[in-house]
Amino acid sequence: MSGPDYLHRLPASIVHDFCSVMDSLDCADWGRFASSVVSDVTDLRLLANRGDLGRTQNVMWYWMNRNGTVGQLVDLLASLNLWRPRDIILQWRPPAPRPRLSLAPARAAPCPPAAAGPWLVPTAPPTGSSSAKNINGRLSERETATIDSPEPKIDLPLPPSPPDSLFTVPGKVNYAPIDNRCRSRGHSALRASTAIHCDHG
């Protein structure tokens, strides 16, 4: 809601035309107008004799400083039958009130529901005792046994025998490849032959 239309909101062109017409009135008509605005006779004489702005301009400034309204001025001019000055004031139209800005934050538009697809179909949780937890949030006995039991050891196969080319040395006696099963026997025989050579030496 807009406030009252105070006189100080009038445009300068409207005030200039109004004061020019009022200054051209005779002393009787102008005195009735000025005495209705300024009740103190001393102040009225001072305003009328001050020649810096004009007598009507001084009276209007006196009324503006006391928050006089446009409606009060129009009613006064109509009561004094001063129609021409009244029509000059009525030429002004107050500006339309501006809409008040809302301080509440704007609500975001709701997101549209997502289209149903095979990837959005909810799946029921497994009901088996192996993956479900009990009411207290503990693992079932089957899961506990699976976690505590050690993993079985896997016997890896033995590596294959090396090729015969590795045992072929130019100018020397070729050694036959040693089977993986006989390696332990060969090591013991080698130790025995070494011990015999040491005794003979």
C-alpha atoms as a PDB file:
ATOM      1  CA  MET A   1       0.000   0.000   0.000  1.00  0.00           C
ATOM      2  CA  SER A   2       1.417   3.386  -1.002  1.00  0.00           C
ATOM      3  CA  GLY A   3       1.651   6.308   1.470  1.00  0.00           C
ATOM      4  CA  PRO A   4      -0.019   9.724   1.150  1.00  0.00           C
ATOM      5  CA  ASP A   5       0.946  11.964  -1.772  1.00  0.00           C
ATOM      6  CA  TYR A   6       2.997  14.649  -0.075  1.00  0.00           C
ATOM      7  CA  LEU A   7       3.555  18.042  -1.661  1.00  0.00           C
ATOM      8  CA  HIS A   8       7.304  17.516  -1.912  1.00  0.00           C
ATOM      9  CA  ARG A   9       6.618  14.707  -4.405  1.00  0.00           C
ATOM     10  CA  LEU A  10       5.172  17.116  -6.959  1.00  0.00           C
ATOM     11  CA  PRO A  11       7.348  17.605 -10.061  1.00  0.00           C
ATOM     12  CA  ALA A  12       9.232  20.876 -10.355  1.00  0.00           C
ATOM     13  CA  SER A  13       7.333  21.841 -13.524  1.00  0.00           C
ATOM     14  CA  ILE A  14       3.944  21.493 -11.771  1.00  0.00           C
ATOM     15  CA  VAL A  15       5.118  23.553  -8.799  1.00  0.00           C
ATOM     16  CA  HIS A  16       6.529  26.260 -11.085  1.00  0.00           C
ATOM     17  CA  ASP A  17       3.287  26.627 -13.067  1.00  0.00           C
ATOM     18  CA  PHE A  18       1.193  26.627  -9.899  1.00  0.00           C
ATOM     19  CA  CYS A  19       3.315  29.318  -8.210  1.00  0.00           C
ATOM     20  CA  SER A  20       3.268  31.503 -11.352  1.00  0.00           C
ATOM     21  CA  VAL A  21      -0.551  31.471 -11.440  1.00  0.00           C
ATOM     22  CA  MET A  22      -0.877  32.079  -7.686  1.00  0.00           C
ATOM     23  CA  ASP A  23       1.560  35.006  -7.746  1.00  0.00           C
ATOM     24  CA  SER A  24      -0.635  36.694 -10.368  1.00  0.00           C
ATOM     25  CA  LEU A  25      -3.647  36.770  -8.015  1.00  0.00           C
ATOM     26  CA  ASP A  26      -4.672  39.927  -6.226  1.00  0.00           C
ATOM     27  CA  CYS A  27      -3.764  40.447  -2.589  1.00  0.00           C
ATOM     28  CA  ALA A  28      -7.217  39.452  -1.282  1.00  0.00           C
ATOM     29  CA  ASP A  29      -7.370  36.033  -3.013  1.00  0.00           C
ATOM     30  CA  TRP A  30      -3.751  35.307  -2.314  1.00  0.00           C
ATOM     31  CA  GLY A  31      -4.137  36.397   1.337  1.00  0.00           C
ATOM     32  CA  ARG A  32      -7.041  33.963   1.891  1.00  0.00           C
ATOM     33  CA  PHE A  33      -4.970  31.140   0.453  1.00  0.00           C
ATOM     34  CA  ALA A  34      -1.800  31.983   2.421  1.00  0.00           C
ATOM     35  CA  SER A  35      -3.636  32.559   5.726  1.00  0.00           C
ATOM     36  CA  SER A  36      -5.252  29.117   5.397  1.00  0.00           C
ATOM     37  CA  VAL A  37      -1.778  27.587   5.174  1.00  0.00           C
ATOM     38  CA  VAL A  38       0.163  29.762   7.649  1.00  0.00           C
ATOM     39  CA  SER A  39      -1.843  30.612  10.753  1.00  0.00           C
ATOM     40  CA  ASP A  40       0.779  32.882  12.315  1.00  0.00           C
ATOM     41  CA  VAL A  41       0.467  36.423  10.953  1.00  0.00           C
ATOM     42  CA  THR A  42       4.104  37.253  11.647  1.00  0.00           C
ATOM     43  CA  ASP A  43       5.353  34.214   9.758  1.00  0.00           C
ATOM     44  CA  LEU A  44       2.981  35.001   6.923  1.00  0.00           C
ATOM     45  CA  ARG A  45       4.318  38.528   6.536  1.00  0.00           C
ATOM     46  CA  LEU A  46       7.894  37.302   6.581  1.00  0.00           C
ATOM     47  CA  LEU A  47       7.133  34.762   3.870  1.00  0.00           C
ATOM     48  CA  ALA A  48       5.243  37.264   1.745  1.00  0.00           C
ATOM     49  CA  ASN A  49       7.976  39.921   1.899  1.00  0.00           C
ATOM     50  CA  ARG A  50      10.838  37.486   1.230  1.00  0.00           C
ATOM     51  CA  GLY A  51      11.610  38.038  -2.398  1.00  0.00           C
ATOM     52  CA  ASP A  52      14.208  35.368  -3.086  1.00  0.00           C
ATOM     53  CA  LEU A  53      11.753  32.731  -4.402  1.00  0.00           C
ATOM     54  CA  GLY A  54       8.376  34.455  -4.549  1.00  0.00           C
ATOM     55  CA  ARG A  55       5.569  34.638  -2.034  1.00  0.00           C
ATOM     56  CA  THR A  56       3.728  31.516  -3.205  1.00  0.00           C
ATOM     57  CA  GLN A  57       6.944  29.510  -3.410  1.00  0.00           C
ATOM     58  CA  ASN A  58       7.839  30.490   0.154  1.00  0.00           C
ATOM     59  CA  VAL A  59       4.391  29.456   1.422  1.00  0.00           C
ATOM     60  CA  MET A  60       4.614  26.133  -0.458  1.00  0.00           C
ATOM     61  CA  TRP A  61       8.041  25.391   1.048  1.00  0.00           C
ATOM     62  CA  TYR A  62       6.613  26.186   4.467  1.00  0.00           C
ATOM     63  CA  TRP A  63       3.787  23.699   3.858  1.00  0.00           C
ATOM     64  CA  MET A  64       6.056  21.046   2.330  1.00  0.00           C
ATOM     65  CA  ASN A  65       8.301  21.056   5.392  1.00  0.00           C
ATOM     66  CA  ARG A  66       5.220  20.215   7.493  1.00  0.00           C
ATOM     67  CA  ASN A  67       4.249  17.237   5.296  1.00  0.00           C
ATOM     68  CA  GLY A  68       1.315  18.872   3.572  1.00  0.00           C
ATOM     69  CA  THR A  69      -0.469  16.573   1.133  1.00  0.00           C
ATOM     70  CA  VAL A  70      -1.738  17.093  -2.402  1.00  0.00           C
ATOM     71  CA  GLY A  71      -5.269  16.259  -1.310  1.00  0.00           C
ATOM     72  CA  GLN A  72      -5.247  19.052   1.280  1.00  0.00           C
ATOM     73  CA  LEU A  73      -4.043  21.551  -1.342  1.00  0.00           C
ATOM     74  CA  VAL A  74      -6.723  20.510  -3.862  1.00  0.00           C
ATOM     75  CA  ASP A  75      -9.479  20.770  -1.236  1.00  0.00           C
ATOM     76  CA  LEU A  76      -8.256  24.230  -0.191  1.00  0.00           C
ATOM     77  CA  LEU A  77      -8.185  25.525  -3.770  1.00  0.00           C
ATOM     78  CA  ALA A  78     -11.664  24.153  -4.405  1.00  0.00           C
ATOM     79  CA  SER A  79     -13.025  25.852  -1.250  1.00  0.00           C
ATOM     80  CA  LEU A  80     -11.559  29.175  -2.428  1.00  0.00           C
ATOM     81  CA  ASN A  81     -12.929  28.699  -5.981  1.00  0.00           C
ATOM     82  CA  LEU A  82      -9.425  28.808  -7.417  1.00  0.00           C
ATOM     83  CA  TRP A  83     -10.114  26.361 -10.253  1.00  0.00           C
ATOM     84  CA  ARG A  84      -7.219  27.121 -12.545  1.00  0.00           C
ATOM     85  CA  PRO A  85      -4.520  26.481  -9.894  1.00  0.00           C
ATOM     86  CA  ARG A  86      -6.440  23.368  -8.866  1.00  0.00           C
ATOM     87  CA  ASP A  87      -6.443  22.050 -12.461  1.00  0.00           C
ATOM     88  CA  ILE A  88      -2.670  22.519 -12.635  1.00  0.00           C
ATOM     89  CA  ILE A  89      -2.206  20.369  -9.553  1.00  0.00           C
ATOM     90  CA  LEU A  90      -4.593  17.722 -10.886  1.00  0.00           C
ATOM     91  CA  GLN A  91      -2.478  17.333 -14.014  1.00  0.00           C
ATOM     92  CA  TRP A  92      -0.028  15.336 -11.935  1.00  0.00           C
ATOM     93  CA  ARG A  93      -0.704  11.671 -11.519  1.00  0.00           C
ATOM     94  CA  PRO A  94       1.092   9.840  -8.711  1.00  0.00           C
ATOM     95  CA  PRO A  95       3.233   6.913  -9.870  1.00  0.00           C
ATOM     96  CA  ALA A  96       1.837   3.428  -9.500  1.00  0.00           C
ATOM     97  CA  PRO A  97       2.993   1.685  -6.323  1.00  0.00           C
ATOM     98  CA  ARG A  98       5.765  -0.800  -6.817  1.00  0.00           C
ATOM     99  CA  PRO A  99       5.085  -4.409  -5.868  1.00  0.00           C
ATOM    100  CA  ARG A 100       6.767  -5.441  -2.672  1.00  0.00           C
ATOM    101  CA  LEU A 101       9.508  -7.971  -3.095  1.00  0.00           C
ATOM    102  CA  SER A 102       8.987 -11.190  -1.239  1.00  0.00           C
ATOM    103  CA  LEU A 103      11.863 -12.140   1.049  1.00  0.00           C
ATOM    104  CA  ALA A 104      10.831 -15.784   1.194  1.00  0.00           C
ATOM    105  CA  PRO A 105      13.099 -18.040  -0.888  1.00  0.00           C
ATOM    106  CA  ALA A 106      11.547 -19.453  -4.011  1.00  0.00           C
ATOM    107  CA  ARG A 107      10.640 -23.096  -3.806  1.00  0.00           C
ATOM    108  CA  ALA A 108      12.355 -25.373  -6.245  1.00  0.00           C
ATOM    109  CA  ALA A 109      10.153 -27.238  -8.683  1.00  0.00           C
ATOM    110  CA  PRO A 110       9.685 -30.899  -7.736  1.00  0.00           C
ATOM    111  CA  CYS A 111      11.701 -33.344  -9.782  1.00  0.00           C
ATOM    112  CA  PRO A 112       9.644 -35.483 -12.174  1.00  0.00           C
ATOM    113  CA  PRO A 113       9.487 -39.187 -11.345  1.00  0.00           C
ATOM    114  CA  ALA A 114      12.123 -41.272 -13.061  1.00  0.00           C
ATOM    115  CA  ALA A 115      11.015 -43.572 -15.855  1.00  0.00           C
ATOM    116  CA  ALA A 116      10.740 -47.195 -14.847  1.00  0.00           C
ATOM    117  CA  GLY A 117      13.356 -49.435 -16.396  1.00  0.00           C
ATOM    118  CA  PRO A 118      14.865 -52.845 -15.858  1.00  0.00           C
ATOM    119  CA  TRP A 119      17.755 -51.270 -13.971  1.00  0.00           C
ATOM    120  CA  LEU A 120      15.391 -49.592 -11.500  1.00  0.00           C
ATOM    121  CA  VAL A 121      13.405 -52.691 -10.535  1.00  0.00           C
ATOM    122  CA  PRO A 122      14.003 -53.290  -6.813  1.00  0.00           C
ATOM    123  CA  THR A 123      15.313 -56.682  -5.923  1.00  0.00           C
ATOM    124  CA  ALA A 124      14.349 -58.472  -2.754  1.00  0.00           C
ATOM    125  CA  PRO A 125      17.194 -59.285  -0.368  1.00  0.00           C
ATOM    126  CA  PRO A 126      18.150 -62.966  -0.125  1.00  0.00           C
ATOM    127  CA  THR A 127      16.278 -64.800   2.565  1.00  0.00           C
ATOM    128  CA  GLY A 128      18.717 -67.692   3.013  1.00  0.00           C
ATOM    129  CA  SER A 129      20.361 -68.231   6.348  1.00  0.00           C
ATOM    130  CA  SER A 130      23.819 -68.093   4.730  1.00  0.00           C
ATOM    131  CA  SER A 131      23.623 -64.364   3.838  1.00  0.00           C
ATOM    132  CA  ALA A 132      20.938 -62.998   6.166  1.00  0.00           C
ATOM    133  CA  LYS A 133      21.737 -61.621   9.590  1.00  0.00           C
ATOM    134  CA  ASN A 134      19.759 -62.263  12.687  1.00  0.00           C
ATOM    135  CA  ILE A 135      17.867 -59.667  14.664  1.00  0.00           C
ATOM    136  CA  ASN A 136      20.908 -58.615  16.737  1.00  0.00           C
ATOM    137  CA  GLY A 137      22.938 -57.865  13.588  1.00  0.00           C
ATOM    138  CA  ARG A 138      25.321 -60.836  14.044  1.00  0.00           C
ATOM    139  CA  LEU A 139      26.396 -63.249  11.362  1.00  0.00           C
ATOM    140  CA  SER A 140      24.762 -66.634  11.162  1.00  0.00           C
ATOM    141  CA  GLU A 141      26.525 -69.794  12.264  1.00  0.00           C
ATOM    142  CA  ARG A 142      27.156 -70.832   8.684  1.00  0.00           C
ATOM    143  CA  GLU A 143      28.859 -67.548   7.851  1.00  0.00           C
ATOM    144  CA  THR A 144      30.930 -67.725  11.052  1.00  0.00           C
ATOM    145  CA  ALA A 145      32.082 -71.241  10.237  1.00  0.00           C
ATOM    146  CA  THR A 146      32.969 -70.191   6.702  1.00  0.00           C
ATOM    147  CA  ILE A 147      35.087 -67.290   7.944  1.00  0.00           C
ATOM    148  CA  ASP A 148      36.899 -69.259  10.691  1.00  0.00           C
ATOM    149  CA  SER A 149      37.698 -72.367   8.613  1.00  0.00           C
ATOM    150  CA  PRO A 150      41.123 -72.218   6.879  1.00  0.00           C
ATOM    151  CA  GLU A 151      41.309 -72.478   3.135  1.00  0.00           C
ATOM    152  CA  PRO A 152      42.429 -75.923   1.824  1.00  0.00           C
ATOM    153  CA  LYS A 153      45.984 -76.127   0.511  1.00  0.00           C
ATOM    154  CA  ILE A 154      46.359 -76.825  -3.177  1.00  0.00           C
ATOM    155  CA  ASP A 155      49.281 -79.065  -4.234  1.00  0.00           C
ATOM    156  CA  LEU A 156      50.987 -77.465  -7.176  1.00  0.00           C
ATOM    157  CA  PRO A 157      52.552 -79.730  -9.840  1.00  0.00           C
ATOM    158  CA  LEU A 158      56.335 -80.097  -9.977  1.00  0.00           C
ATOM    159  CA  PRO A 159      58.140 -78.196 -12.708  1.00  0.00           C
ATOM    160  CA  PRO A 160      59.147 -80.226 -15.815  1.00  0.00           C
ATOM    161  CA  SER A 161      62.674 -81.565 -16.336  1.00  0.00           C
ATOM    162  CA  PRO A 162      65.125 -79.219 -18.083  1.00  0.00           C
ATOM    163  CA  PRO A 163      65.868 -79.916 -21.761  1.00  0.00           C
ATOM    164  CA  ASP A 164      68.871 -82.099 -22.750  1.00  0.00           C
ATOM    165  CA  SER A 165      70.560 -79.198 -24.505  1.00  0.00           C
ATOM    166  CA  LEU A 166      71.412 -77.610 -21.170  1.00  0.00           C
ATOM    167  CA  PHE A 167      73.597 -80.629 -20.310  1.00  0.00           C
ATOM    168  CA  THR A 168      75.487 -80.689 -23.652  1.00  0.00           C
ATOM    169  CA  VAL A 169      78.868 -78.974 -23.194  1.00  0.00           C
ATOM    170  CA  PRO A 170      81.397 -79.010 -26.059  1.00  0.00           C
ATOM    171  CA  GLY A 171      84.575 -81.055 -25.247  1.00  0.00           C
ATOM    172  CA  LYS A 172      83.186 -82.448 -22.022  1.00  0.00           C
ATOM    173  CA  VAL A 173      81.222 -85.442 -20.948  1.00  0.00           C
ATOM    174  CA  ASN A 174      77.494 -85.027 -21.263  1.00  0.00           C
ATOM    175  CA  TYR A 175      75.513 -85.521 -18.143  1.00  0.00           C
ATOM    176  CA  ALA A 176      72.114 -87.100 -18.273  1.00  0.00           C
ATOM    177  CA  PRO A 177      69.279 -85.075 -16.822  1.00  0.00           C
ATOM    178  CA  ILE A 178      68.416 -85.927 -13.319  1.00  0.00           C
ATOM    179  CA  ASP A 179      64.890 -86.903 -12.628  1.00  0.00           C
ATOM    180  CA  ASN A 180      63.103 -84.953  -9.945  1.00  0.00           C
ATOM    181  CA  ARG A 181      62.473 -88.112  -8.040  1.00  0.00           C
ATOM    182  CA  CYS A 182      66.120 -89.074  -8.029  1.00  0.00           C
ATOM    183  CA  ARG A 183      67.539 -85.718  -7.051  1.00  0.00           C
ATOM    184  CA  SER A 184      67.592 -86.574  -3.384  1.00  0.00           C
ATOM    185  CA  ARG A 185      69.471 -89.829  -4.103  1.00  0.00           C
ATOM    186  CA  GLY A 186      71.958 -88.039  -6.351  1.00  0.00           C
ATOM    187  CA  HIS A 187      72.778 -85.521  -3.677  1.00  0.00           C
ATOM    188  CA  SER A 188      73.493 -88.274  -1.159  1.00  0.00           C
ATOM    189  CA  ALA A 189      75.645 -90.238  -3.662  1.00  0.00           C
ATOM    190  CA  LEU A 190      77.565 -87.079  -4.517  1.00  0.00           C
ATOM    191  CA  ARG A 191      78.305 -86.497  -0.866  1.00  0.00           C
ATOM    192  CA  ALA A 192      79.545 -90.118  -0.475  1.00  0.00           C
ATOM    193  CA  SER A 193      81.859 -89.946  -3.530  1.00  0.00           C
ATOM    194  CA  THR A 194      83.300 -86.674  -2.320  1.00  0.00           C
ATOM    195  CA  ALA A 195      84.046 -88.182   1.048  1.00  0.00           C
ATOM    196  CA  ILE A 196      85.881 -91.153  -0.573  1.00  0.00           C
ATOM    197  CA  HIS A 197      88.057 -88.869  -2.683  1.00  0.00           C
ATOM    198  CA  CYS A 198      89.006 -86.912   0.329  1.00  0.00           C
ATOM    199  CA  ASP A 199      90.095 -90.047   2.208  1.00  0.00           C
ATOM    200  CA  HIS A 200      92.311 -91.177  -0.662  1.00  0.00           C
ATOM    201  CA  GLY A 201      93.912 -87.829  -0.927  1.00  0.00           C
END
